[in-house]
N, C-alpha and C. Protein backbone atom coordinates (compact mmCIF):
# COMPACT_ATOMS: atom_id res chain seq x y z
N PHE A 1 82.81 117.67 70.73
CA PHE A 1 82.16 117.03 70.27
C PHE A 1 80.97 117.52 70.25
N HIS A 2 80.35 118.62 71.31
CA HIS A 2 79.51 119.24 71.11
C HIS A 2 79.58 120.69 70.54
N ASP A 3 80.88 121.37 70.37
CA ASP A 3 80.57 122.47 69.62
C ASP A 3 80.74 122.13 68.20
N HIS A 4 81.38 120.98 67.61
CA HIS A 4 81.31 120.55 66.23
C HIS A 4 80.09 120.30 65.64
N VAL A 5 79.17 119.21 66.60
CA VAL A 5 77.89 119.07 66.24
C VAL A 5 77.20 120.30 66.01
N GLN A 6 77.31 121.08 67.10
CA GLN A 6 76.23 122.57 67.30
C GLN A 6 76.90 123.16 65.69
N GLN A 7 78.14 123.37 65.59
CA GLN A 7 78.65 124.20 64.38
C GLN A 7 77.87 123.56 63.19
N ARG A 8 77.89 122.31 63.08
CA ARG A 8 77.51 121.63 61.59
C ARG A 8 76.08 121.85 61.51
N ILE A 9 75.21 121.66 62.44
CA ILE A 9 73.89 121.62 62.23
C ILE A 9 73.72 123.23 61.82
N THR A 10 73.89 124.44 62.47
CA THR A 10 73.80 125.46 61.85
C THR A 10 74.37 125.75 60.33
N GLU A 11 75.65 125.19 60.26
CA GLU A 11 76.15 125.35 58.80
C GLU A 11 74.74 124.61 57.99
N ARG A 12 74.28 123.29 58.41
CA ARG A 12 73.63 122.77 57.10
C ARG A 12 72.41 123.44 57.18
N ALA A 13 71.81 124.23 57.98
CA ALA A 13 70.42 124.93 58.24
C ALA A 13 70.89 126.15 58.75
N PRO A 14 70.97 127.21 58.18
CA PRO A 14 71.81 128.52 58.99
C PRO A 14 70.35 129.10 59.58
N ALA A 15 69.38 128.95 59.42
CA ALA A 15 68.60 129.47 60.35
C ALA A 15 67.75 128.83 61.42
N SER A 16 68.73 127.83 61.93
CA SER A 16 68.37 126.65 63.03
C SER A 16 69.06 127.30 64.07
N VAL A 17 68.57 126.52 65.11
CA VAL A 17 69.00 126.79 66.52
C VAL A 17 69.10 125.51 67.11
N ALA A 18 70.24 125.11 67.64
CA ALA A 18 70.56 123.68 68.21
C ALA A 18 71.18 124.17 69.63
N GLY A 19 70.70 123.39 70.45
CA GLY A 19 71.20 122.98 72.00
C GLY A 19 71.03 121.80 72.56
N ALA A 20 72.15 121.47 73.60
CA ALA A 20 72.27 120.21 74.14
C ALA A 20 72.04 120.23 75.57
N ILE A 21 71.30 119.03 76.31
CA ILE A 21 70.61 119.18 77.38
C ILE A 21 70.95 117.86 77.83
N SER A 22 71.55 117.73 79.22
CA SER A 22 71.72 116.30 79.87
C SER A 22 70.55 115.47 80.07
N LEU A 23 69.12 115.96 80.36
CA LEU A 23 68.12 115.31 80.43
C LEU A 23 66.91 116.29 79.84
N LEU A 24 66.46 115.50 78.79
CA LEU A 24 65.02 116.05 78.16
C LEU A 24 64.10 116.17 78.75
N PRO A 25 63.12 117.35 79.09
CA PRO A 25 62.13 117.64 79.59
C PRO A 25 61.23 116.82 79.35
N LEU A 26 60.05 115.94 80.12
CA LEU A 26 59.29 115.27 80.01
C LEU A 26 59.77 113.72 79.91
N SER A 27 61.20 113.61 80.21
CA SER A 27 62.09 112.14 80.18
C SER A 27 61.63 111.60 81.30
N GLY A 28 61.31 112.05 82.62
CA GLY A 28 61.11 111.29 83.93
C GLY A 28 62.02 110.75 84.64
N LEU A 29 63.28 111.05 83.79
CA LEU A 29 64.55 111.02 84.43
C LEU A 29 65.15 111.72 85.60
N LEU A 30 65.62 111.29 86.30
CA LEU A 30 65.79 112.28 87.76
C LEU A 30 67.67 112.19 87.91
N SER A 31 67.88 112.98 88.34
CA SER A 31 69.05 113.75 88.35
C SER A 31 69.21 115.06 89.50
N THR A 32 69.29 114.88 90.43
CA THR A 32 69.55 115.92 91.66
C THR A 32 70.81 116.21 92.12
N ALA A 33 71.06 117.21 92.79
CA ALA A 33 72.22 117.39 93.45
C ALA A 33 72.16 118.42 94.47
N ASP A 34 72.85 118.17 95.71
CA ASP A 34 72.62 119.16 96.61
C ASP A 34 72.97 120.32 96.43
N VAL A 35 72.84 121.34 97.18
CA VAL A 35 73.29 123.07 96.96
C VAL A 35 73.61 123.70 98.26
N GLU A 36 74.36 124.62 98.20
CA GLU A 36 74.97 125.33 99.31
C GLU A 36 74.92 126.79 99.30
N PHE A 37 74.75 127.67 99.99
CA PHE A 37 74.84 129.02 99.70
C PHE A 37 75.74 129.74 100.51
N PRO A 38 76.75 130.21 99.90
CA PRO A 38 77.97 130.77 100.83
C PRO A 38 77.61 131.57 101.63
N ASP A 39 76.60 132.60 101.33
CA ASP A 39 76.01 133.55 102.46
C ASP A 39 75.38 133.37 103.73
N ARG A 40 74.99 132.00 103.70
CA ARG A 40 74.18 131.47 104.69
C ARG A 40 74.65 130.57 105.74
N PRO A 41 74.18 130.31 106.90
CA PRO A 41 74.60 129.24 107.63
C PRO A 41 74.47 127.92 107.09
N ALA A 42 75.70 126.77 107.32
CA ALA A 42 75.29 125.53 106.83
C ALA A 42 74.31 124.96 107.20
N PRO A 43 73.13 124.36 106.91
CA PRO A 43 72.07 123.78 107.45
C PRO A 43 72.38 122.53 108.05
N PRO A 44 71.52 121.65 108.78
CA PRO A 44 71.83 120.56 109.37
C PRO A 44 71.92 119.58 107.83
N PRO A 45 72.60 118.55 107.96
CA PRO A 45 72.86 117.24 107.13
C PRO A 45 71.30 116.82 106.51
N ASP A 46 70.56 116.45 107.28
CA ASP A 46 69.33 116.17 106.56
C ASP A 46 68.39 117.24 106.12
N GLN A 47 68.80 118.51 106.10
CA GLN A 47 67.92 119.61 105.46
C GLN A 47 69.02 120.36 104.46
N ILE A 48 69.67 119.77 104.04
CA ILE A 48 70.33 120.33 102.69
C ILE A 48 69.24 120.34 101.45
N PRO A 49 69.38 121.64 100.75
CA PRO A 49 68.58 121.81 99.83
C PRO A 49 69.00 121.09 98.47
N GLN A 50 67.89 120.70 97.67
CA GLN A 50 68.68 119.86 96.79
C GLN A 50 67.70 120.19 95.41
N ALA A 51 68.38 120.19 94.13
CA ALA A 51 67.94 120.84 92.95
C ALA A 51 67.94 119.66 92.07
N HIS A 52 67.18 119.90 90.99
CA HIS A 52 67.18 119.12 90.01
C HIS A 52 68.23 119.16 88.87
N PHE A 53 69.05 118.87 88.63
CA PHE A 53 70.49 118.79 88.07
C PHE A 53 70.52 118.88 86.78
N ARG A 54 70.94 120.05 85.97
CA ARG A 54 70.80 119.88 84.45
C ARG A 54 72.29 120.29 83.85
N ILE A 55 72.62 119.75 82.88
CA ILE A 55 73.92 120.62 82.29
C ILE A 55 73.27 121.05 80.93
N ALA A 56 73.46 122.08 80.45
CA ALA A 56 73.04 122.63 79.53
C ALA A 56 74.03 123.40 78.68
N GLY A 57 73.88 123.24 77.25
CA GLY A 57 74.73 123.84 76.24
C GLY A 57 74.34 125.58 75.80
N PRO A 58 74.95 126.32 75.09
CA PRO A 58 74.75 127.44 74.65
C PRO A 58 73.64 127.34 73.62
N ASP A 59 72.45 128.13 73.81
CA ASP A 59 71.67 127.84 72.70
C ASP A 59 70.35 127.15 73.12
N TYR A 60 70.29 126.17 74.43
CA TYR A 60 69.63 125.40 74.68
C TYR A 60 68.34 125.92 74.81
N PHE A 61 68.46 126.92 75.79
CA PHE A 61 66.84 127.41 76.30
C PHE A 61 66.25 128.14 75.08
N ARG A 62 66.90 128.50 74.07
CA ARG A 62 66.25 129.11 73.19
C ARG A 62 65.80 127.91 72.02
N ALA A 63 66.34 127.29 71.74
CA ALA A 63 66.22 125.93 71.00
C ALA A 63 64.86 125.22 71.28
N ALA A 64 64.99 125.03 72.98
CA ALA A 64 63.77 124.60 73.51
C ALA A 64 62.46 125.37 73.74
N GLY A 65 62.56 126.78 73.62
CA GLY A 65 61.45 127.66 73.76
C GLY A 65 61.28 127.75 74.98
N ILE A 66 62.21 127.87 76.13
CA ILE A 66 62.24 127.97 77.43
C ILE A 66 62.68 129.11 77.70
N ARG A 67 61.56 130.13 78.14
CA ARG A 67 61.93 131.62 78.40
C ARG A 67 62.81 131.97 79.33
N ILE A 68 63.84 133.09 79.01
CA ILE A 68 64.73 133.46 80.28
C ILE A 68 63.85 134.55 80.62
N LEU A 69 63.25 134.27 82.36
CA LEU A 69 62.52 135.44 82.61
C LEU A 69 63.32 136.68 82.94
N THR A 70 64.45 136.54 83.49
CA THR A 70 65.63 137.54 83.81
C THR A 70 66.70 137.23 83.57
N GLY A 71 67.91 138.16 83.59
CA GLY A 71 69.12 137.65 83.05
C GLY A 71 69.11 137.08 81.78
N ARG A 72 70.19 136.52 81.52
CA ARG A 72 70.40 135.62 80.41
C ARG A 72 70.54 134.48 80.08
N GLU A 73 70.98 133.69 78.65
CA GLU A 73 71.02 132.29 78.61
C GLU A 73 72.34 132.05 78.69
N PHE A 74 72.82 130.74 78.81
CA PHE A 74 74.57 130.46 78.83
C PHE A 74 74.78 131.23 77.38
N GLN A 75 76.04 131.52 77.50
CA GLN A 75 76.90 131.52 76.45
C GLN A 75 78.10 131.27 75.98
N THR A 76 78.67 131.13 74.59
CA THR A 76 79.63 130.58 74.16
C THR A 76 81.24 130.82 75.20
N SER A 77 80.85 132.05 75.81
CA SER A 77 82.09 132.53 76.64
C SER A 77 82.05 132.05 78.03
N ASP A 78 81.01 131.10 78.48
CA ASP A 78 81.04 130.54 79.56
C ASP A 78 81.59 129.21 79.41
N GLN A 79 82.89 129.46 79.77
CA GLN A 79 83.90 128.32 79.45
C GLN A 79 84.51 127.76 80.62
N GLU A 80 85.28 126.89 80.44
CA GLU A 80 85.98 126.39 81.62
C GLU A 80 86.79 127.25 82.58
N ARG A 81 87.47 128.15 82.15
CA ARG A 81 88.38 128.82 82.72
C ARG A 81 87.86 130.34 82.83
N GLY A 82 86.62 130.50 82.63
CA GLY A 82 85.93 131.79 83.06
C GLY A 82 85.15 131.69 84.42
N ARG A 83 84.21 132.65 84.51
CA ARG A 83 83.47 132.60 85.75
C ARG A 83 82.42 131.90 85.72
N PRO A 84 82.39 130.76 86.86
CA PRO A 84 81.29 129.75 87.24
C PRO A 84 80.08 130.49 87.19
N VAL A 85 79.03 129.86 86.47
CA VAL A 85 77.68 130.51 86.36
C VAL A 85 76.70 129.16 86.40
N ALA A 86 75.55 129.80 86.42
CA ALA A 86 74.38 129.04 86.67
C ALA A 86 72.86 129.62 86.04
N ILE A 87 71.95 128.88 85.84
CA ILE A 87 70.87 129.07 85.60
C ILE A 87 69.97 128.58 86.56
N VAL A 88 68.79 129.37 87.17
CA VAL A 88 67.87 128.34 87.89
C VAL A 88 66.59 128.83 87.39
N SER A 89 65.68 127.73 87.94
CA SER A 89 64.14 127.92 87.21
C SER A 89 63.90 128.67 88.45
N GLN A 90 62.37 129.30 87.89
CA GLN A 90 61.85 130.27 88.48
C GLN A 90 61.21 129.80 89.99
N THR A 91 60.89 128.23 89.82
CA THR A 91 60.59 127.68 91.04
C THR A 91 61.65 127.90 92.16
N PHE A 92 62.96 127.22 91.41
CA PHE A 92 64.12 127.42 92.66
C PHE A 92 64.34 128.86 92.85
N ALA A 93 63.96 129.69 92.36
CA ALA A 93 64.63 131.37 92.47
C ALA A 93 63.54 131.74 93.59
N ARG A 94 62.33 131.11 93.48
CA ARG A 94 61.31 131.88 94.45
C ARG A 94 61.31 130.95 95.82
N ARG A 95 61.57 129.51 95.82
CA ARG A 95 62.18 128.92 96.93
C ARG A 95 63.29 129.75 97.72
N HIS A 96 64.31 130.28 97.12
CA HIS A 96 65.55 130.46 97.60
C HIS A 96 65.55 131.97 98.14
N TRP A 97 64.97 132.74 96.92
CA TRP A 97 64.93 134.51 97.01
C TRP A 97 63.47 134.64 96.96
N PRO A 98 62.70 134.39 97.85
CA PRO A 98 61.35 134.90 98.01
C PRO A 98 61.31 136.33 97.61
N ASN A 99 61.82 137.14 98.34
CA ASN A 99 61.77 138.64 98.29
C ASN A 99 63.05 139.33 97.44
N ASP A 100 63.90 138.57 96.90
CA ASP A 100 64.74 139.45 96.35
C ASP A 100 64.90 139.00 94.86
N ASN A 101 65.93 139.25 94.17
CA ASN A 101 66.48 139.04 92.64
C ASN A 101 67.14 137.81 92.66
N ALA A 102 67.06 136.72 92.14
CA ALA A 102 67.90 135.86 92.21
C ALA A 102 69.46 136.01 91.22
N VAL A 103 69.23 136.67 90.16
CA VAL A 103 70.48 137.01 89.27
C VAL A 103 71.24 137.79 90.30
N GLY A 104 72.45 137.09 89.94
CA GLY A 104 73.76 137.97 90.71
C GLY A 104 74.08 137.20 92.30
N GLN A 105 72.89 136.13 92.60
CA GLN A 105 73.03 135.52 93.66
C GLN A 105 74.32 134.52 93.27
N HIS A 106 74.51 133.95 94.52
CA HIS A 106 75.46 132.74 94.45
C HIS A 106 75.34 131.46 95.03
N LEU A 107 75.74 130.32 94.51
CA LEU A 107 75.38 129.21 95.14
C LEU A 107 76.71 128.30 94.97
N ALA A 108 76.62 126.97 95.33
CA ALA A 108 77.79 125.80 94.81
C ALA A 108 76.90 124.82 95.27
N LEU A 109 77.71 123.69 94.43
CA LEU A 109 77.17 122.15 94.73
C LEU A 109 77.99 121.78 95.87
N ALA A 110 77.07 121.08 96.78
CA ALA A 110 77.71 120.62 97.77
C ALA A 110 78.66 119.47 97.73
N PRO A 111 79.35 119.43 98.75
CA PRO A 111 79.80 120.07 99.54
C PRO A 111 80.77 121.53 98.95
N ALA A 112 80.27 122.52 99.50
CA ALA A 112 80.79 123.68 98.62
C ALA A 112 82.70 123.80 98.77
N ALA A 113 83.23 122.97 99.55
CA ALA A 113 84.42 123.13 99.79
C ALA A 113 85.26 122.16 98.36
N SER A 114 84.09 121.55 97.74
CA SER A 114 84.79 120.45 96.47
C SER A 114 84.23 121.45 95.46
N TYR A 115 83.48 122.32 95.05
CA TYR A 115 83.46 123.00 94.05
C TYR A 115 83.22 124.62 94.08
N PRO A 116 83.50 125.33 93.01
CA PRO A 116 83.61 126.57 93.09
C PRO A 116 81.87 127.15 93.38
N ASP A 117 82.22 128.27 93.79
CA ASP A 117 80.62 129.39 93.92
C ASP A 117 80.11 129.51 92.48
N MET A 118 79.18 129.45 92.03
CA MET A 118 78.66 129.93 90.89
C MET A 118 77.62 131.03 90.87
N GLN A 119 77.70 131.96 90.10
CA GLN A 119 76.98 133.09 89.99
C GLN A 119 75.75 132.89 89.20
N ILE A 120 74.69 133.10 89.61
CA ILE A 120 73.28 132.98 88.93
C ILE A 120 73.13 134.00 87.98
N VAL A 121 73.19 133.87 86.71
CA VAL A 121 73.22 134.98 85.31
C VAL A 121 71.78 134.82 84.80
N GLY A 122 70.89 133.93 85.34
CA GLY A 122 69.53 134.22 84.67
C GLY A 122 68.62 133.07 85.32
N VAL A 123 67.35 133.52 85.35
CA VAL A 123 66.15 132.61 85.78
C VAL A 123 65.18 132.29 84.32
N ALA A 124 65.10 131.20 84.31
CA ALA A 124 63.94 130.40 83.24
C ALA A 124 62.70 130.09 83.91
N SER A 125 62.06 129.95 83.01
CA SER A 125 60.51 129.53 83.21
C SER A 125 60.56 128.42 83.55
N ASP A 126 59.65 127.86 84.40
CA ASP A 126 59.89 126.29 84.87
C ASP A 126 59.52 125.13 83.68
N VAL A 127 59.47 124.14 84.02
CA VAL A 127 59.74 123.00 82.99
C VAL A 127 59.27 121.98 83.55
N LYS A 128 58.28 121.35 82.78
CA LYS A 128 57.88 119.85 83.32
C LYS A 128 58.88 118.73 82.89
N GLN A 129 59.17 118.26 84.10
CA GLN A 129 60.25 117.43 83.98
C GLN A 129 59.79 116.08 83.99
N PHE A 130 58.88 115.60 84.57
CA PHE A 130 58.38 114.02 84.74
C PHE A 130 56.87 113.95 84.31
N GLY A 131 56.23 115.06 83.70
CA GLY A 131 54.77 114.62 83.35
C GLY A 131 54.16 116.27 83.14
N ILE A 132 53.14 116.24 82.56
CA ILE A 132 52.33 116.99 82.30
C ILE A 132 51.58 117.66 83.30
N ASP A 133 51.09 116.87 84.26
CA ASP A 133 50.03 117.23 85.42
C ASP A 133 51.14 117.37 86.78
N GLY A 134 52.55 117.29 86.59
CA GLY A 134 53.42 117.49 87.67
C GLY A 134 53.97 118.46 88.12
N ASP A 135 54.14 118.48 89.52
CA ASP A 135 54.54 119.65 90.00
C ASP A 135 56.05 120.60 89.52
N ALA A 136 55.83 121.56 89.24
CA ALA A 136 57.21 122.25 89.03
C ALA A 136 58.36 121.89 90.06
N THR A 137 59.52 121.79 89.30
CA THR A 137 60.44 121.63 90.15
C THR A 137 61.42 122.75 90.46
N ALA A 138 62.69 122.41 91.15
CA ALA A 138 63.52 123.50 91.83
C ALA A 138 64.76 123.04 90.27
N ASP A 139 65.19 123.81 89.53
CA ASP A 139 65.82 123.47 88.57
C ASP A 139 67.16 124.28 88.48
N LEU A 140 68.41 123.49 88.25
CA LEU A 140 69.88 124.20 88.34
C LEU A 140 70.26 123.69 87.07
N TYR A 141 70.92 124.72 86.41
CA TYR A 141 71.59 124.53 84.93
C TYR A 141 72.71 125.04 85.22
N VAL A 142 73.76 124.18 84.67
CA VAL A 142 75.01 124.51 84.61
C VAL A 142 75.47 124.35 83.26
N PRO A 143 76.36 125.43 82.66
CA PRO A 143 76.73 125.29 81.37
C PRO A 143 77.63 124.35 80.78
N LEU A 144 77.59 123.95 79.83
CA LEU A 144 78.58 122.32 79.43
C LEU A 144 79.62 122.49 79.31
N HIS A 145 80.10 123.95 78.81
CA HIS A 145 81.66 123.87 79.36
C HIS A 145 82.22 123.94 80.48
N GLN A 146 81.40 124.06 81.60
CA GLN A 146 81.76 124.05 82.84
C GLN A 146 81.34 122.88 83.74
N ILE A 147 81.21 121.90 82.91
CA ILE A 147 80.47 120.72 83.59
C ILE A 147 81.56 120.15 84.77
N PRO A 148 80.79 119.92 85.83
CA PRO A 148 81.64 119.22 87.04
C PRO A 148 82.01 118.06 86.53
N ALA A 149 83.04 117.26 87.16
CA ALA A 149 83.57 116.03 86.63
C ALA A 149 82.96 114.93 86.99
N PHE A 150 81.88 114.76 88.17
CA PHE A 150 80.80 113.57 88.47
C PHE A 150 79.86 113.78 87.32
N GLN A 151 79.75 114.50 86.50
CA GLN A 151 78.44 114.59 85.18
C GLN A 151 79.26 114.32 83.98
N VAL A 152 80.79 114.24 84.02
CA VAL A 152 81.25 113.86 82.45
C VAL A 152 80.75 112.59 81.84
N GLY A 153 80.85 111.48 82.87
CA GLY A 153 80.68 110.13 82.25
C GLY A 153 78.94 110.13 81.97
N PRO A 154 77.99 110.62 82.76
CA PRO A 154 76.69 110.45 82.33
C PRO A 154 76.36 111.48 81.16
N VAL A 155 76.89 112.67 80.99
CA VAL A 155 76.40 113.19 79.81
C VAL A 155 77.44 112.56 78.58
N ALA A 156 78.34 112.17 78.51
CA ALA A 156 79.19 111.57 77.45
C ALA A 156 78.47 110.46 77.15
N ALA A 157 77.82 109.54 77.87
CA ALA A 157 76.82 108.53 77.53
C ALA A 157 75.37 108.68 77.31
N ARG A 158 74.96 109.87 77.82
CA ARG A 158 73.75 110.26 76.89
C ARG A 158 73.34 111.64 77.13
N MET A 159 73.38 112.41 75.61
CA MET A 159 73.33 114.05 75.36
C MET A 159 71.79 113.89 74.49
N TYR A 160 71.29 114.71 74.80
CA TYR A 160 70.08 115.16 73.91
C TYR A 160 70.30 116.50 73.51
N TRP A 161 69.75 116.40 72.17
CA TRP A 161 69.62 118.18 71.43
C TRP A 161 68.04 118.46 71.00
N ILE A 162 68.06 119.59 71.03
CA ILE A 162 66.94 120.04 70.57
C ILE A 162 67.11 121.02 69.51
N VAL A 163 66.58 120.82 68.23
CA VAL A 163 67.18 121.84 67.03
C VAL A 163 66.00 122.31 66.60
N ARG A 164 65.50 123.60 66.67
CA ARG A 164 64.36 124.38 65.95
C ARG A 164 64.83 124.66 64.82
N VAL A 165 64.19 124.36 63.78
CA VAL A 165 64.23 124.91 62.24
C VAL A 165 63.34 125.70 61.95
N ASN A 166 63.31 126.64 61.04
CA ASN A 166 62.44 127.72 60.47
C ASN A 166 61.60 127.15 59.27
N GLN A 167 61.63 125.86 58.80
CA GLN A 167 61.09 124.84 58.06
C GLN A 167 61.19 124.14 58.27
N PRO A 168 60.32 123.16 58.00
CA PRO A 168 60.11 121.79 58.49
C PRO A 168 60.96 120.63 57.97
N ASP A 169 61.38 120.78 56.53
CA ASP A 169 62.40 120.28 55.89
C ASP A 169 63.64 120.35 55.89
N ALA A 170 63.89 121.43 56.36
CA ALA A 170 65.38 122.06 57.06
C ALA A 170 66.28 121.11 57.02
N LEU A 171 65.87 120.27 58.03
CA LEU A 171 66.98 119.35 58.28
C LEU A 171 65.83 117.82 58.80
N SER A 172 66.32 116.78 57.99
CA SER A 172 65.62 115.59 58.34
C SER A 172 66.37 114.84 59.23
N PRO A 173 65.93 113.89 59.66
CA PRO A 173 66.35 113.02 60.87
C PRO A 173 67.60 112.27 60.39
N ARG A 174 67.68 112.05 58.94
CA ARG A 174 68.91 111.32 58.23
C ARG A 174 69.77 112.54 58.28
N ASP A 175 69.74 113.54 58.15
CA ASP A 175 70.86 114.92 58.24
C ASP A 175 71.45 114.76 59.37
N LEU A 176 70.41 114.60 60.41
CA LEU A 176 70.97 114.59 61.98
C LEU A 176 72.04 113.11 62.02
N HIS A 177 71.41 112.23 61.65
CA HIS A 177 72.37 110.88 61.77
C HIS A 177 73.56 111.35 61.16
N ARG A 178 73.66 111.97 59.93
CA ARG A 178 74.98 112.13 59.34
C ARG A 178 75.68 113.06 59.78
N ILE A 179 75.26 114.01 60.50
CA ILE A 179 76.15 115.21 61.20
C ILE A 179 76.82 114.73 62.64
N VAL A 180 75.95 113.61 63.39
CA VAL A 180 76.82 113.02 64.21
C VAL A 180 78.01 112.11 63.74
N TYR A 181 77.45 111.20 62.80
CA TYR A 181 78.29 110.46 62.21
C TYR A 181 79.76 111.09 61.65
N GLU A 182 79.65 112.31 60.82
CA GLU A 182 81.02 113.09 60.35
C GLU A 182 81.39 113.70 61.54
N VAL A 183 80.98 113.77 62.72
CA VAL A 183 81.81 114.25 63.80
C VAL A 183 82.61 113.32 64.35
N ASP A 184 81.82 112.11 64.72
CA ASP A 184 82.39 110.98 65.38
C ASP A 184 81.55 109.58 64.97
N PRO A 185 82.07 109.05 64.01
CA PRO A 185 81.57 107.71 63.51
C PRO A 185 81.10 106.80 64.44
N GLU A 186 81.74 107.01 65.73
CA GLU A 186 81.66 106.10 67.03
C GLU A 186 80.54 106.11 67.57
N ILE A 187 79.68 107.27 67.90
CA ILE A 187 78.43 107.40 68.47
C ILE A 187 77.49 107.66 67.53
N ALA A 188 76.46 106.83 68.16
CA ALA A 188 75.10 106.92 67.25
C ALA A 188 74.33 108.09 67.68
N ALA A 189 73.50 108.65 66.57
CA ALA A 189 72.34 109.15 66.99
C ALA A 189 71.11 108.68 66.96
N SER A 190 70.41 108.37 68.26
CA SER A 190 69.48 107.58 68.23
C SER A 190 67.85 108.18 68.37
N ASN A 191 67.02 107.46 68.07
CA ASN A 191 65.44 108.21 68.65
C ASN A 191 65.38 109.60 68.14
N VAL A 192 65.53 109.89 67.06
CA VAL A 192 65.10 111.09 66.59
C VAL A 192 63.87 111.42 66.45
N GLN A 193 63.35 112.55 67.04
CA GLN A 193 61.75 112.34 67.11
C GLN A 193 61.46 114.03 67.33
N THR A 194 59.97 114.53 66.85
CA THR A 194 59.75 115.89 67.06
C THR A 194 59.60 115.93 68.63
N LEU A 195 59.26 117.07 68.78
CA LEU A 195 58.73 117.53 70.59
C LEU A 195 57.12 117.03 70.94
N SER A 196 56.40 116.81 69.53
CA SER A 196 55.12 116.48 69.88
C SER A 196 55.02 115.08 70.00
N GLN A 197 56.29 114.12 69.36
CA GLN A 197 56.00 112.98 69.53
C GLN A 197 56.37 112.92 71.15
N VAL A 198 57.65 113.65 71.73
CA VAL A 198 57.90 113.35 72.86
C VAL A 198 56.75 113.82 73.89
N LEU A 199 55.88 114.92 73.63
CA LEU A 199 54.79 115.18 74.47
C LEU A 199 53.68 114.16 74.26
N ALA A 200 53.77 113.61 73.22
CA ALA A 200 52.82 112.21 73.23
C ALA A 200 53.03 111.09 74.22
N GLY A 201 54.49 111.06 73.92
CA GLY A 201 54.89 109.65 74.70
C GLY A 201 54.63 109.89 76.29
N ALA A 202 55.07 111.18 76.37
CA ALA A 202 54.93 111.66 78.37
C ALA A 202 53.32 111.30 78.57
N MET A 203 52.55 111.77 77.77
CA MET A 203 51.12 111.46 77.87
C MET A 203 50.49 110.29 77.71
N ALA A 204 51.19 109.25 77.31
CA ALA A 204 50.67 107.93 76.86
C ALA A 204 50.05 107.12 78.22
N PRO A 205 50.68 107.21 79.40
CA PRO A 205 50.10 106.45 80.29
C PRO A 205 48.84 107.15 80.49
N THR A 206 48.91 108.36 80.87
CA THR A 206 47.47 108.91 81.27
C THR A 206 46.47 108.75 79.91
N ARG A 207 46.68 108.70 78.82
CA ARG A 207 46.17 108.46 77.85
C ARG A 207 45.41 106.83 77.79
N ALA A 208 46.57 105.97 78.21
CA ALA A 208 45.80 104.52 78.59
C ALA A 208 44.83 104.23 79.38
N HIS A 209 44.99 105.08 80.75
CA HIS A 209 44.37 105.05 81.80
C HIS A 209 42.95 105.86 81.32
N VAL A 210 42.93 106.52 80.76
CA VAL A 210 41.55 107.24 80.30
C VAL A 210 40.65 106.20 79.36
N LEU A 211 41.53 105.89 78.32
CA LEU A 211 40.58 104.77 77.67
C LEU A 211 40.32 103.58 78.26
N LEU A 212 41.16 103.00 78.91
CA LEU A 212 40.39 101.65 79.62
C LEU A 212 39.58 102.22 80.67
């Protein structure tokens, strides 16, 4: 489904960039995962580090305007049978490798015995997940084609797409609805909005408090 939607979007608007994510920035939705580091002793059960967990498709970072500070973005070659990889946020990298480059390091979802080691291939700039004035979060991104089994259900039920076009009228909301319908008539494309509208929605509670 993901591959067909991405292909049809870029066919309909050749200069566009489209990428999928499990949770949209500023959504306020929480998804975390425990992580382990194979080159370090296991911490006590109450001190296992956590990451804000995201499943991202190829071109997501480019579409969303999230800079890759070091390393690379996910590629179409990051497939299920390929080497497991991950991208971490700048805050995650600084927290766990304050004096070293995170690219090339390894980590695993906990318990590590149940999941393969992932090699970090990129460090992305921090993203506001809960609000404009919120603290930076330690984010861990896994490529969609290497999605862990426990995330298949949530992502199938809720997948967000960011589409960056070179002209405002290159793709309309109706075009996006039609593309999804053509790929799978039983899936609805709901709540199509601009990123400016997403930002306005995230700031609505603060704006209401200021007005009051």
